[in-house]
Amino acid sequence: MSAFPCSTDVLPASVPLLALPEVAKQLGIVVTRVHQMLRDNQLLAVRRDGVAGVPEIFFDDTGAVLRWLPGLITVMRDAKYTDEEILEWIFTDDETLPGKPVEALHGPLAREVLRRAAADPF
């Protein structure tokens, strides 16, 4: 089995991360399943201070992965964006949303975020 993908940390230091074992515990799965989710583009991870972590904001109030996140990752990957570019885009303020696309994924603007990602995020 191949190693899981883990991006360079392009996120602001203020973005809290969950270590992969914490993600596994939260989702009620084994950590190797989290690795598979990363390989399957259902999540993105960054390496900060030598530890792989997933942004905490990628999860909803129940602790589940945001419904729209895997689709957003797939749309952007299909458009040939790197994981770092995807992370930069979803964590960049957009006054027309308002806020960051990742914040909009938590509410009624989630479909708009996907539409914009499909149209041309950059």
Protein backbone atom coordinates (compact mmCIF):
# COMPACT_ATOMS: atom_id res chain seq x y z
CA MET A 1 0.00 0.00 0.00
CA SER A 2 1.38 3.42 -0.91
CA ALA A 3 1.96 6.27 1.50
CA PHE A 4 -0.85 8.73 1.97
CA PRO A 5 -0.64 12.18 0.35
CA CYS A 6 0.33 15.02 2.64
CA SER A 7 0.82 18.60 1.44
CA THR A 8 3.23 21.28 2.44
CA ASP A 9 1.61 23.46 5.09
CA VAL A 10 0.33 26.43 3.11
CA LEU A 11 -2.32 27.25 5.71
CA PRO A 12 -2.25 30.14 8.14
CA ALA A 13 -0.79 29.09 11.50
CA SER A 14 -4.15 29.97 13.06
CA VAL A 15 -5.88 27.04 11.28
CA PRO A 16 -6.20 24.23 13.85
CA LEU A 17 -5.30 20.75 12.67
CA LEU A 18 -6.34 17.33 13.90
CA ALA A 19 -3.60 14.68 13.85
CA LEU A 20 -4.57 11.62 11.84
CA PRO A 21 -5.13 9.43 14.94
CA GLU A 22 -7.52 12.12 16.23
CA VAL A 23 -9.37 12.10 12.89
CA ALA A 24 -9.68 8.33 13.09
CA LYS A 25 -11.04 8.47 16.63
CA GLN A 26 -13.51 11.23 15.71
CA LEU A 27 -14.78 9.26 12.70
CA GLY A 28 -14.80 5.95 14.60
CA ILE A 29 -12.43 4.26 12.15
CA VAL A 30 -8.85 2.96 12.16
CA VAL A 31 -6.07 5.35 11.15
CA THR A 32 -5.28 3.30 8.04
CA ARG A 33 -8.81 4.09 6.81
CA VAL A 34 -7.99 7.81 7.22
CA HIS A 35 -4.90 7.20 5.07
CA GLN A 36 -7.19 5.64 2.45
CA MET A 37 -9.55 8.63 2.63
CA LEU A 38 -6.56 10.86 1.86
CA ARG A 39 -5.59 8.65 -1.10
CA ASP A 40 -9.23 8.66 -2.29
CA ASN A 41 -9.41 12.51 -2.25
CA GLN A 42 -12.04 12.59 0.50
CA LEU A 43 -9.74 14.66 2.74
CA LEU A 44 -6.58 16.76 2.47
CA ALA A 45 -3.75 16.76 5.01
CA VAL A 46 -0.78 19.01 5.61
CA ARG A 47 2.43 18.38 7.48
CA ARG A 48 3.01 20.90 10.27
CA ASP A 49 6.00 20.54 12.57
CA GLY A 50 6.54 17.02 11.25
CA VAL A 51 3.00 15.85 12.06
CA ALA A 52 0.36 15.14 9.43
CA GLY A 53 -2.93 16.83 10.21
CA VAL A 54 -6.32 17.59 8.71
CA PRO A 55 -7.88 21.05 9.17
CA GLU A 56 -10.47 20.88 11.93
CA ILE A 57 -12.88 22.96 9.82
CA PHE A 58 -13.19 20.03 7.38
CA PHE A 59 -15.65 18.45 9.82
CA ASP A 60 -19.23 19.37 10.69
CA ASP A 61 -20.80 19.78 14.12
CA THR A 62 -21.35 16.03 14.42
CA GLY A 63 -17.68 15.28 13.69
CA ALA A 64 -18.33 13.92 10.18
CA VAL A 65 -16.46 15.05 7.07
CA LEU A 66 -18.24 18.01 5.47
CA ARG A 67 -20.70 16.68 2.91
CA TRP A 68 -19.40 18.83 0.05
CA LEU A 69 -15.65 18.54 0.71
CA PRO A 70 -14.86 15.34 -1.24
CA GLY A 71 -16.72 16.67 -4.28
CA LEU A 72 -14.88 19.97 -4.10
CA ILE A 73 -11.52 18.20 -3.91
CA THR A 74 -12.45 16.01 -6.89
CA VAL A 75 -13.61 18.96 -9.01
CA MET A 76 -10.41 20.86 -8.36
CA ARG A 77 -8.16 17.82 -8.83
CA ASP A 78 -9.89 17.10 -12.15
CA ALA A 79 -9.03 20.67 -13.16
CA LYS A 80 -5.36 19.81 -12.42
CA TYR A 81 -4.97 21.87 -9.23
CA THR A 82 -2.42 20.63 -6.73
CA ASP A 83 -3.39 19.94 -3.14
CA GLU A 84 -1.54 23.09 -2.08
CA GLU A 85 -3.47 25.18 -4.62
CA ILE A 86 -6.76 23.66 -3.45
CA LEU A 87 -5.93 24.46 0.18
CA GLU A 88 -4.87 28.00 -0.68
CA TRP A 89 -8.10 28.62 -2.60
CA ILE A 90 -10.48 27.25 0.01
CA PHE A 91 -8.74 29.16 2.82
CA THR A 92 -8.54 32.51 0.97
CA ASP A 93 -11.07 35.20 1.88
CA ASP A 94 -13.68 35.86 -0.77
CA GLU A 95 -15.77 38.95 -0.04
CA THR A 96 -18.47 37.80 -2.46
CA LEU A 97 -19.30 34.71 -0.35
CA PRO A 98 -18.55 36.38 2.26
CA GLY A 99 -15.65 34.69 4.03
CA LYS A 100 -13.54 31.75 2.99
CA PRO A 101 -14.89 29.00 0.73
CA VAL A 102 -14.18 26.43 3.45
CA GLU A 103 -16.45 28.38 5.82
CA ALA A 104 -19.17 28.52 3.16
CA LEU A 105 -19.08 24.71 2.93
CA HIS A 106 -20.74 24.71 6.37
CA GLY A 107 -23.84 26.52 5.16
CA PRO A 108 -26.23 27.26 2.33
CA LEU A 109 -23.47 28.56 0.03
CA ALA A 110 -21.78 25.16 -0.29
CA ARG A 111 -23.19 24.56 -3.79
CA GLU A 112 -21.98 28.01 -4.84
CA VAL A 113 -18.45 27.08 -3.72
CA LEU A 114 -18.58 23.95 -5.88
CA ARG A 115 -19.93 25.92 -8.82
CA ARG A 116 -17.10 28.43 -8.54
CA ALA A 117 -14.50 25.69 -8.22
CA ALA A 118 -15.85 24.03 -11.36
CA ALA A 119 -15.95 27.33 -13.26
CA ASP A 120 -12.35 28.33 -12.50
CA PRO A 121 -11.26 29.05 -8.95
CA PHE A 122 -8.09 30.97 -9.80
